[in-house]
Amino acid sequence: CSHSEPGPMAQKKAAGASRAARRRRWWNLRQRWRMLGVFEINPEHEFYQLTSMIKEGMHASLQTPVELPVAFPTKKIAFHVFFLILAFQGFVMQTFAAPVFAKLRGSLNLTEEEYMKSLCSEGCYLQFVSNSKSKADFFVTNDKRFFLKTQSRREVRFLLSNLQAYMDHLEKYPHSLLKYFIVMQSVFYPDERINIRYDIKGCEVGRWTNPDKGGKQTIKVLKDNNFEGQCIELGQEKSWFANQVKVDAAFLRELNVLDYSLLLARQPLHQDELEGKHSLTTCPARDTSTDLELQEFHEHHRRLLPNFQNAVHVIDGPHCRYFVGIIDIFTVYGIKKRLENLWKTLHYPGRAFSTVSPTKYSQRFCQWIQEHAQ
């Protein structure tokens, strides 16, 4: 018999093939992980026609120059009546207060080119699937940067009627945690390393999610009772976080709103991230070389943002990176919710449930943050 050893060239080819195979396996694994909880809305999907119309309408509306007039009789009228209607084959796209939202995107250092590239790309939208009880439909852009959420007419009217107040709030507190757009920048973007997600309301009735229920293709969003025994380790950022939540909750209380949530996720920090956590280049008005600028920096409750995408909703603690944002801020404490409060008071005596007055909800929400942040 005979035996021959492969030559150096053959060995290099074999090693190269092995590396290529490992890269393919790793790429396939990343792709499968990337699609966890989302399904591509391809031509066979029930929402394909709807999302195609959304993309076509958004592309046209973003390319249509619209300037906000210099002056109005009242600010509220400006936000109510200023809308754009574009007609297409088979549907009409109506855009409300486009210049206002464009200004808001600009304040987040998001260019219109980036926005259009994400919302109007050739890649299909994704349908977001989670254990949320919401009746709304959720879509995600192909790059997972933006969420699109269906809203009721009542919610749209509420948004528009309070848009001026919201813009004033953001101008005063540019690093607010509030999420208000129907097209929302995802709090959890980018999400490649996030290992756990929570939806926190600061109460205990109905606030438990079975982590094992729902199947592997559903993104599990856990709740208050799942968080028992844990804390949000923010170190020196705790004071800023607790105060910003307090400011945002006070704003929502003034709007007579309740039932909002803190979206919370975390991921471990890598060594290089631990060594260089913050960059002055990513925070508006960070040149605090004069006393006046420093005073303005603190008056507007700004902080040094991490050198990271979606930095407004990212807080780095000593060991973990936290993604945070306040969402679901359309529920007004009207007659329906007051009756629900009465019913729950009778059925859950002495227990903490979500349907309470905005004042009590705000206080309890802030108390939960204060007790769980370290």
Protein backbone atom coordinates (compact mmCIF):
# COMPACT_ATOMS: atom_id res chain seq x y z
CA CYS A 1 0.00 0.00 0.00
CA SER A 2 1.04 3.57 -0.37
CA HIS A 3 0.43 6.75 1.60
CA SER A 4 0.97 10.33 0.59
CA GLU A 5 0.84 13.53 2.68
CA PRO A 6 -0.91 16.58 1.16
CA GLY A 7 1.49 19.29 0.02
CA PRO A 8 1.61 22.83 1.46
CA MET A 9 -0.65 24.19 -1.27
CA ALA A 10 -3.32 21.54 -0.59
CA GLN A 11 -3.11 22.22 3.15
CA LYS A 12 -3.66 25.97 2.57
CA LYS A 13 -6.67 25.24 0.37
CA ALA A 14 -8.13 22.91 2.98
CA ALA A 15 -7.60 25.49 5.74
CA GLY A 16 -9.19 28.17 3.57
CA ALA A 17 -12.18 25.96 2.85
CA SER A 18 -12.56 25.26 6.57
CA ARG A 19 -12.53 28.97 7.42
CA ALA A 20 -15.06 29.68 4.68
CA ALA A 21 -17.32 26.94 6.01
CA ARG A 22 -17.10 28.40 9.53
CA ARG A 23 -17.95 31.86 8.20
CA ARG A 24 -20.98 30.46 6.35
CA ARG A 25 -22.19 28.65 9.47
CA TRP A 26 -21.71 31.79 11.56
CA TRP A 27 -23.52 33.93 8.95
CA ASN A 28 -26.43 31.49 8.82
CA LEU A 29 -26.60 31.45 12.62
CA ARG A 30 -26.64 35.27 12.76
CA GLN A 31 -29.35 35.39 10.09
CA ARG A 32 -31.53 32.92 12.00
CA TRP A 33 -31.01 34.88 15.22
CA ARG A 34 -31.70 38.18 13.43
CA MET A 35 -35.09 36.91 12.34
CA LEU A 36 -36.14 35.82 15.84
CA GLY A 37 -39.58 37.22 16.51
CA VAL A 38 -39.99 38.70 13.03
CA PHE A 39 -41.27 37.33 9.74
CA GLU A 40 -40.49 38.73 6.32
CA ILE A 41 -43.52 40.30 4.66
CA ASN A 42 -42.96 38.77 1.22
CA PRO A 43 -45.44 38.87 -1.72
CA GLU A 44 -47.37 35.93 -0.24
CA HIS A 45 -47.83 37.65 3.14
CA GLU A 46 -51.26 39.13 4.03
CA PHE A 47 -49.69 42.54 4.80
CA TYR A 48 -47.51 42.75 1.68
CA GLN A 49 -49.88 45.08 -0.20
CA LEU A 50 -50.35 47.33 2.83
CA THR A 51 -46.61 47.66 3.54
CA SER A 52 -45.89 48.25 -0.15
CA MET A 53 -48.38 51.14 -0.12
CA ILE A 54 -46.79 52.50 3.07
CA LYS A 55 -43.34 52.49 1.47
CA GLU A 56 -44.59 54.11 -1.74
CA GLY A 57 -46.50 56.76 0.17
CA MET A 58 -43.63 57.47 2.56
CA HIS A 59 -41.16 57.78 -0.30
CA ALA A 60 -43.36 60.34 -2.07
CA SER A 61 -44.18 62.33 1.06
CA LEU A 62 -40.53 62.56 2.11
CA GLN A 63 -39.58 63.87 -1.31
CA THR A 64 -42.35 66.49 -1.30
CA PRO A 65 -40.93 69.76 0.04
CA VAL A 66 -43.18 71.21 2.73
CA GLU A 67 -42.29 74.31 4.71
CA LEU A 68 -43.95 75.25 8.00
CA PRO A 69 -45.30 78.82 7.76
CA VAL A 70 -43.46 81.38 9.85
CA ALA A 71 -46.42 82.37 12.02
CA PHE A 72 -49.85 81.04 12.96
CA PRO A 73 -52.77 82.55 14.91
CA THR A 74 -52.18 79.82 17.50
CA LYS A 75 -49.63 77.04 17.74
CA LYS A 76 -52.28 74.37 18.26
CA ILE A 77 -54.07 75.24 15.02
CA ALA A 78 -50.78 74.86 13.18
CA PHE A 79 -50.33 71.29 14.36
CA HIS A 80 -53.96 70.33 13.76
CA VAL A 81 -54.53 71.55 10.23
CA PHE A 82 -51.13 71.24 8.65
CA PHE A 83 -51.26 68.03 6.65
CA LEU A 84 -50.41 66.75 3.19
CA ILE A 85 -52.57 64.48 1.03
CA LEU A 86 -50.99 62.47 -1.79
CA ALA A 87 -53.13 60.37 -4.13
CA PHE A 88 -51.83 57.12 -5.62
CA GLN A 89 -53.36 54.35 -7.65
CA GLY A 90 -55.72 52.60 -5.25
CA PHE A 91 -54.94 54.56 -2.06
CA VAL A 92 -54.39 57.98 -0.50
CA MET A 93 -51.51 58.90 1.82
CA GLN A 94 -52.24 61.58 4.42
CA THR A 95 -49.28 63.00 6.33
CA PHE A 96 -49.81 65.18 9.40
CA ALA A 97 -47.42 67.91 10.55
CA ALA A 98 -44.59 66.63 8.34
CA PRO A 99 -42.24 69.59 8.99
CA VAL A 100 -42.71 69.18 12.73
CA PHE A 101 -41.64 65.54 12.69
CA ALA A 102 -38.81 66.36 10.29
CA LYS A 103 -37.56 68.89 12.82
CA LEU A 104 -37.85 66.27 15.55
CA ARG A 105 -35.81 63.77 13.52
CA GLY A 106 -33.20 66.45 12.94
CA SER A 107 -32.92 67.05 16.68
CA LEU A 108 -31.99 63.36 17.02
CA ASN A 109 -29.26 63.77 14.37
CA LEU A 110 -31.27 61.59 11.99
CA THR A 111 -30.98 62.83 8.40
CA GLU A 112 -33.88 62.59 5.96
CA GLU A 113 -31.65 60.48 3.72
CA GLU A 114 -31.11 57.92 6.51
CA TYR A 115 -34.80 57.94 7.33
CA MET A 116 -35.85 57.36 3.72
CA LYS A 117 -33.17 54.72 3.16
CA SER A 118 -34.48 52.71 6.09
CA LEU A 119 -38.23 53.17 5.52
CA CYS A 120 -38.25 52.95 1.72
CA SER A 121 -35.56 50.35 1.00
CA GLU A 122 -36.17 47.57 -1.49
CA GLY A 123 -36.00 45.02 1.32
CA CYS A 124 -39.34 43.78 2.63
CA TYR A 125 -40.70 45.03 5.93
CA LEU A 126 -40.79 42.54 8.77
CA GLN A 127 -43.80 41.64 10.91
CA PHE A 128 -42.94 41.88 14.58
CA VAL A 129 -44.29 39.04 16.74
CA SER A 130 -44.18 39.20 20.53
CA ASN A 131 -46.26 38.24 23.55
CA SER A 132 -47.76 41.76 23.70
CA LYS A 133 -51.53 41.99 24.29
CA SER A 134 -51.78 45.03 22.02
CA LYS A 135 -54.36 44.82 19.22
CA ALA A 136 -52.16 46.98 16.98
CA ASP A 137 -50.14 45.60 14.08
CA PHE A 138 -46.38 46.11 14.32
CA PHE A 139 -44.02 46.27 11.38
CA VAL A 140 -40.25 46.67 11.38
CA THR A 141 -38.07 48.10 8.63
CA ASN A 142 -35.76 45.58 6.99
CA ASP A 143 -32.74 46.92 8.88
CA LYS A 144 -34.77 46.73 12.15
CA ARG A 145 -34.12 50.39 12.89
CA PHE A 146 -37.73 51.63 12.89
CA PHE A 147 -41.04 50.29 14.14
CA LEU A 148 -44.32 51.15 12.43
CA LYS A 149 -47.44 50.77 14.53
CA THR A 150 -51.10 51.00 13.51
CA GLN A 151 -53.08 53.50 15.60
CA SER A 152 -56.76 54.20 16.16
CA ARG A 153 -58.32 57.50 15.09
CA ARG A 154 -58.65 58.45 18.76
CA GLU A 155 -54.93 57.91 19.32
CA VAL A 156 -54.03 59.97 16.25
CA ARG A 157 -56.29 62.83 17.42
CA PHE A 158 -54.70 62.67 20.86
CA LEU A 159 -51.21 62.79 19.34
CA LEU A 160 -52.00 65.81 17.19
CA SER A 161 -53.79 67.70 19.95
CA ASN A 162 -50.72 67.37 22.19
CA LEU A 163 -47.99 67.60 19.58
CA GLN A 164 -47.07 71.18 20.47
CA ALA A 165 -46.75 70.27 24.15
CA TYR A 166 -44.60 67.27 23.24
CA MET A 167 -42.29 69.36 21.03
CA ASP A 168 -41.94 71.92 23.82
CA HIS A 169 -41.08 69.11 26.23
CA LEU A 170 -38.42 67.70 23.89
CA GLU A 171 -36.95 71.12 23.29
CA LYS A 172 -36.58 71.58 27.03
CA TYR A 173 -35.43 67.99 27.66
CA PRO A 174 -33.70 66.77 24.47
CA HIS A 175 -32.68 63.49 26.11
CA SER A 176 -36.22 62.58 27.15
CA LEU A 177 -37.06 58.88 27.17
CA LEU A 178 -40.52 59.39 25.66
CA LYS A 179 -41.40 57.61 22.40
CA TYR A 180 -44.26 59.30 20.60
CA PHE A 181 -44.09 58.76 16.85
CA ILE A 182 -46.32 56.33 14.97
CA VAL A 183 -43.12 55.60 13.09
CA MET A 184 -40.85 54.98 16.06
CA GLN A 185 -37.11 54.61 16.24
CA SER A 186 -36.71 51.24 17.89
CA VAL A 187 -35.63 51.48 21.52
CA PHE A 188 -33.89 48.11 21.01
CA TYR A 189 -31.74 49.14 18.03
CA PRO A 190 -29.31 47.60 17.28
CA ASP A 191 -30.41 44.39 19.02
CA GLU A 192 -27.73 41.84 18.09
CA ARG A 193 -26.51 41.33 21.67
CA ILE A 194 -29.63 42.05 23.73
CA ASN A 195 -30.30 39.05 25.94
CA ILE A 196 -33.45 40.06 27.83
CA ARG A 197 -36.32 42.55 27.47
CA TYR A 198 -38.88 43.95 29.95
CA ASP A 199 -42.06 46.03 29.84
CA ILE A 200 -42.39 47.80 33.21
CA LYS A 201 -45.49 49.62 34.54
CA GLY A 202 -44.70 49.70 38.26
CA CYS A 203 -47.59 47.44 39.39
CA GLU A 204 -48.17 43.73 40.02
CA VAL A 205 -51.65 42.61 38.85
CA GLY A 206 -51.32 40.82 35.51
CA ARG A 207 -47.62 41.67 35.32
CA TRP A 208 -46.08 38.22 34.84
CA THR A 209 -45.07 36.53 31.58
CA ASN A 210 -44.24 32.85 31.31
CA PRO A 211 -40.77 32.85 29.69
CA ASP A 212 -41.38 29.37 28.24
CA LYS A 213 -44.70 30.16 26.55
CA GLY A 214 -45.19 31.35 22.98
CA GLY A 215 -42.71 29.33 20.95
CA LYS A 216 -39.18 29.99 19.77
CA GLN A 217 -40.23 32.47 17.06
CA THR A 218 -41.81 34.87 19.56
CA ILE A 219 -39.74 37.59 21.20
CA LYS A 220 -40.39 37.33 24.94
CA VAL A 221 -41.01 40.66 26.63
CA LEU A 222 -41.08 40.05 30.37
CA LYS A 223 -42.90 42.18 32.95
CA ASP A 224 -42.65 43.65 36.43
CA ASN A 225 -43.02 40.43 38.40
CA ASN A 226 -40.38 38.73 36.23
CA PHE A 227 -37.96 41.46 37.34
CA GLU A 228 -38.30 40.60 41.04
CA GLY A 229 -34.94 40.39 42.82
CA GLN A 230 -33.08 42.26 40.06
CA CYS A 231 -31.90 45.83 39.65
CA ILE A 232 -30.84 48.29 36.96
CA GLU A 233 -27.13 48.86 37.66
CA LEU A 234 -26.39 52.32 36.35
CA GLY A 235 -23.75 53.58 38.75
CA GLN A 236 -23.26 57.33 38.34
CA GLU A 237 -26.01 57.46 35.69
CA LYS A 238 -28.73 56.48 38.22
CA SER A 239 -29.44 60.05 39.30
CA TRP A 240 -29.89 61.27 35.72
CA PHE A 241 -32.11 58.32 34.79
CA ALA A 242 -34.39 58.62 37.83
CA ASN A 243 -34.75 62.38 37.36
CA GLN A 244 -35.50 62.09 33.62
CA VAL A 245 -38.19 59.49 34.28
CA LYS A 246 -39.65 61.83 36.89
CA VAL A 247 -39.71 64.73 34.40
CA ASP A 248 -41.27 62.62 31.63
CA ALA A 249 -43.86 61.10 33.97
CA ALA A 250 -44.83 64.59 35.20
CA PHE A 251 -45.39 65.64 31.59
CA LEU A 252 -47.65 62.63 30.98
CA ARG A 253 -49.55 63.35 34.20
CA GLU A 254 -50.30 66.85 32.89
CA LEU A 255 -51.75 65.25 29.75
CA ASN A 256 -54.01 63.04 31.95
CA VAL A 257 -52.26 59.92 30.62
CA LEU A 258 -51.73 56.55 32.33
CA ASP A 259 -50.79 52.96 31.49
CA TYR A 260 -47.48 53.83 29.84
CA SER A 261 -44.50 51.49 30.13
CA LEU A 262 -40.76 51.60 30.47
CA LEU A 263 -39.22 49.40 27.80
CA LEU A 264 -36.02 47.99 29.24
CA ALA A 265 -33.39 45.69 27.75
CA ARG A 266 -29.79 44.93 28.59
CA GLN A 267 -26.65 43.45 27.12
CA PRO A 268 -23.18 42.88 28.59
CA LEU A 269 -20.52 45.46 27.79
CA HIS A 270 -17.42 44.30 25.94
CA GLN A 271 -13.99 45.24 27.23
CA ASP A 272 -13.43 47.94 24.61
CA GLU A 273 -16.79 49.46 25.52
CA LEU A 274 -15.86 49.48 29.19
CA GLU A 275 -12.61 51.30 28.41
CA GLY A 276 -14.17 54.13 26.36
CA LYS A 277 -17.80 54.55 27.34
CA HIS A 278 -18.62 58.08 26.25
CA SER A 279 -17.80 60.37 23.39
CA LEU A 280 -18.42 64.10 23.39
CA THR A 281 -18.96 64.00 19.63
CA THR A 282 -22.40 62.36 19.92
CA CYS A 283 -24.13 64.74 22.32
CA PRO A 284 -25.78 68.00 21.22
CA ALA A 285 -24.28 71.13 22.81
CA ARG A 286 -21.51 69.21 24.57
CA ASP A 287 -18.95 72.01 24.33
CA THR A 288 -19.28 73.14 27.94
CA SER A 289 -16.17 75.30 27.93
CA THR A 290 -18.02 78.32 29.34
CA ASP A 291 -20.10 78.70 32.50
CA LEU A 292 -23.15 79.71 30.42
CA GLU A 293 -22.98 76.60 28.25
CA LEU A 294 -22.46 74.40 31.30
CA GLN A 295 -25.51 75.95 32.98
CA GLU A 296 -27.61 75.37 29.86
CA PHE A 297 -26.36 71.78 29.66
CA HIS A 298 -27.67 71.04 33.16
CA GLU A 299 -30.87 73.08 32.86
CA HIS A 300 -31.92 70.98 29.87
CA HIS A 301 -31.04 67.84 31.81
CA ARG A 302 -28.60 66.56 29.21
CA ARG A 303 -26.04 63.85 29.73
CA LEU A 304 -22.97 62.54 27.95
CA LEU A 305 -24.34 59.98 25.53
CA PRO A 306 -22.56 56.73 24.70
CA ASN A 307 -20.72 56.68 21.38
CA PHE A 308 -23.35 54.34 20.01
CA GLN A 309 -26.25 54.20 17.57
CA ASN A 310 -29.62 55.20 19.07
CA ALA A 311 -27.67 56.83 21.90
CA VAL A 312 -30.62 58.78 23.37
CA HIS A 313 -32.15 55.47 24.46
CA VAL A 314 -28.93 53.84 25.65
CA ILE A 315 -27.42 54.12 29.13
CA ASP A 316 -24.16 52.40 30.03
CA GLY A 317 -23.83 51.10 33.55
CA PRO A 318 -20.64 49.68 35.11
CA HIS A 319 -21.12 46.26 33.50
CA CYS A 320 -24.14 46.34 31.18
CA ARG A 321 -25.62 48.49 28.45
CA TYR A 322 -29.30 49.31 29.01
CA PHE A 323 -31.82 50.24 26.32
CA VAL A 324 -34.64 52.34 27.76
CA GLY A 325 -37.68 54.22 26.48
CA ILE A 326 -41.15 55.19 27.68
CA ILE A 327 -43.86 53.96 25.30
CA ASP A 328 -47.65 53.55 24.96
CA ILE A 329 -48.55 57.09 25.98
CA PHE A 330 -51.97 57.40 24.32
CA THR A 331 -54.25 56.16 27.11
CA VAL A 332 -56.26 58.99 28.66
CA TYR A 333 -57.97 58.68 32.05
CA GLY A 334 -61.52 59.17 30.79
CA ILE A 335 -64.86 57.64 31.78
CA LYS A 336 -63.98 54.18 30.48
CA LYS A 337 -60.76 54.01 32.50
CA ARG A 338 -62.45 55.45 35.60
CA LEU A 339 -65.06 52.67 35.46
CA GLU A 340 -62.26 50.14 34.97
CA ASN A 341 -60.54 51.56 38.03
CA LEU A 342 -63.73 51.07 40.07
CA TRP A 343 -64.12 47.48 38.84
CA LYS A 344 -60.50 46.58 39.64
CA THR A 345 -60.71 48.24 43.04
CA LEU A 346 -63.57 45.88 43.91
CA HIS A 347 -61.89 42.79 42.43
CA TYR A 348 -58.29 43.43 43.58
CA PRO A 349 -58.60 45.12 46.99
CA GLY A 350 -55.25 46.27 48.34
CA ARG A 351 -53.35 45.24 45.18
CA ALA A 352 -51.47 47.39 42.66
CA PHE A 353 -53.04 47.39 39.17
CA SER A 354 -52.38 49.60 36.17
CA THR A 355 -55.69 51.47 35.85
CA VAL A 356 -55.32 54.24 38.44
CA SER A 357 -55.38 58.03 38.25
CA PRO A 358 -52.51 59.65 36.30
CA THR A 359 -51.21 61.20 39.52
CA LYS A 360 -51.03 57.87 41.33
CA TYR A 361 -49.69 56.10 38.24
CA SER A 362 -46.91 58.67 37.84
CA GLN A 363 -45.90 58.48 41.50
CA ARG A 364 -45.85 54.68 41.54
CA PHE A 365 -43.97 54.49 38.24
CA CYS A 366 -41.24 56.82 39.52
CA GLN A 367 -41.08 54.97 42.82
CA TRP A 368 -40.46 51.67 41.00
CA ILE A 369 -37.58 53.27 39.08
CA GLN A 370 -36.12 54.76 42.24
CA GLU A 371 -36.25 51.43 44.07
CA HIS A 372 -34.82 49.30 41.25
CA ALA A 373 -32.09 51.59 39.89
CA GLN A 374 -28.68 51.45 41.57
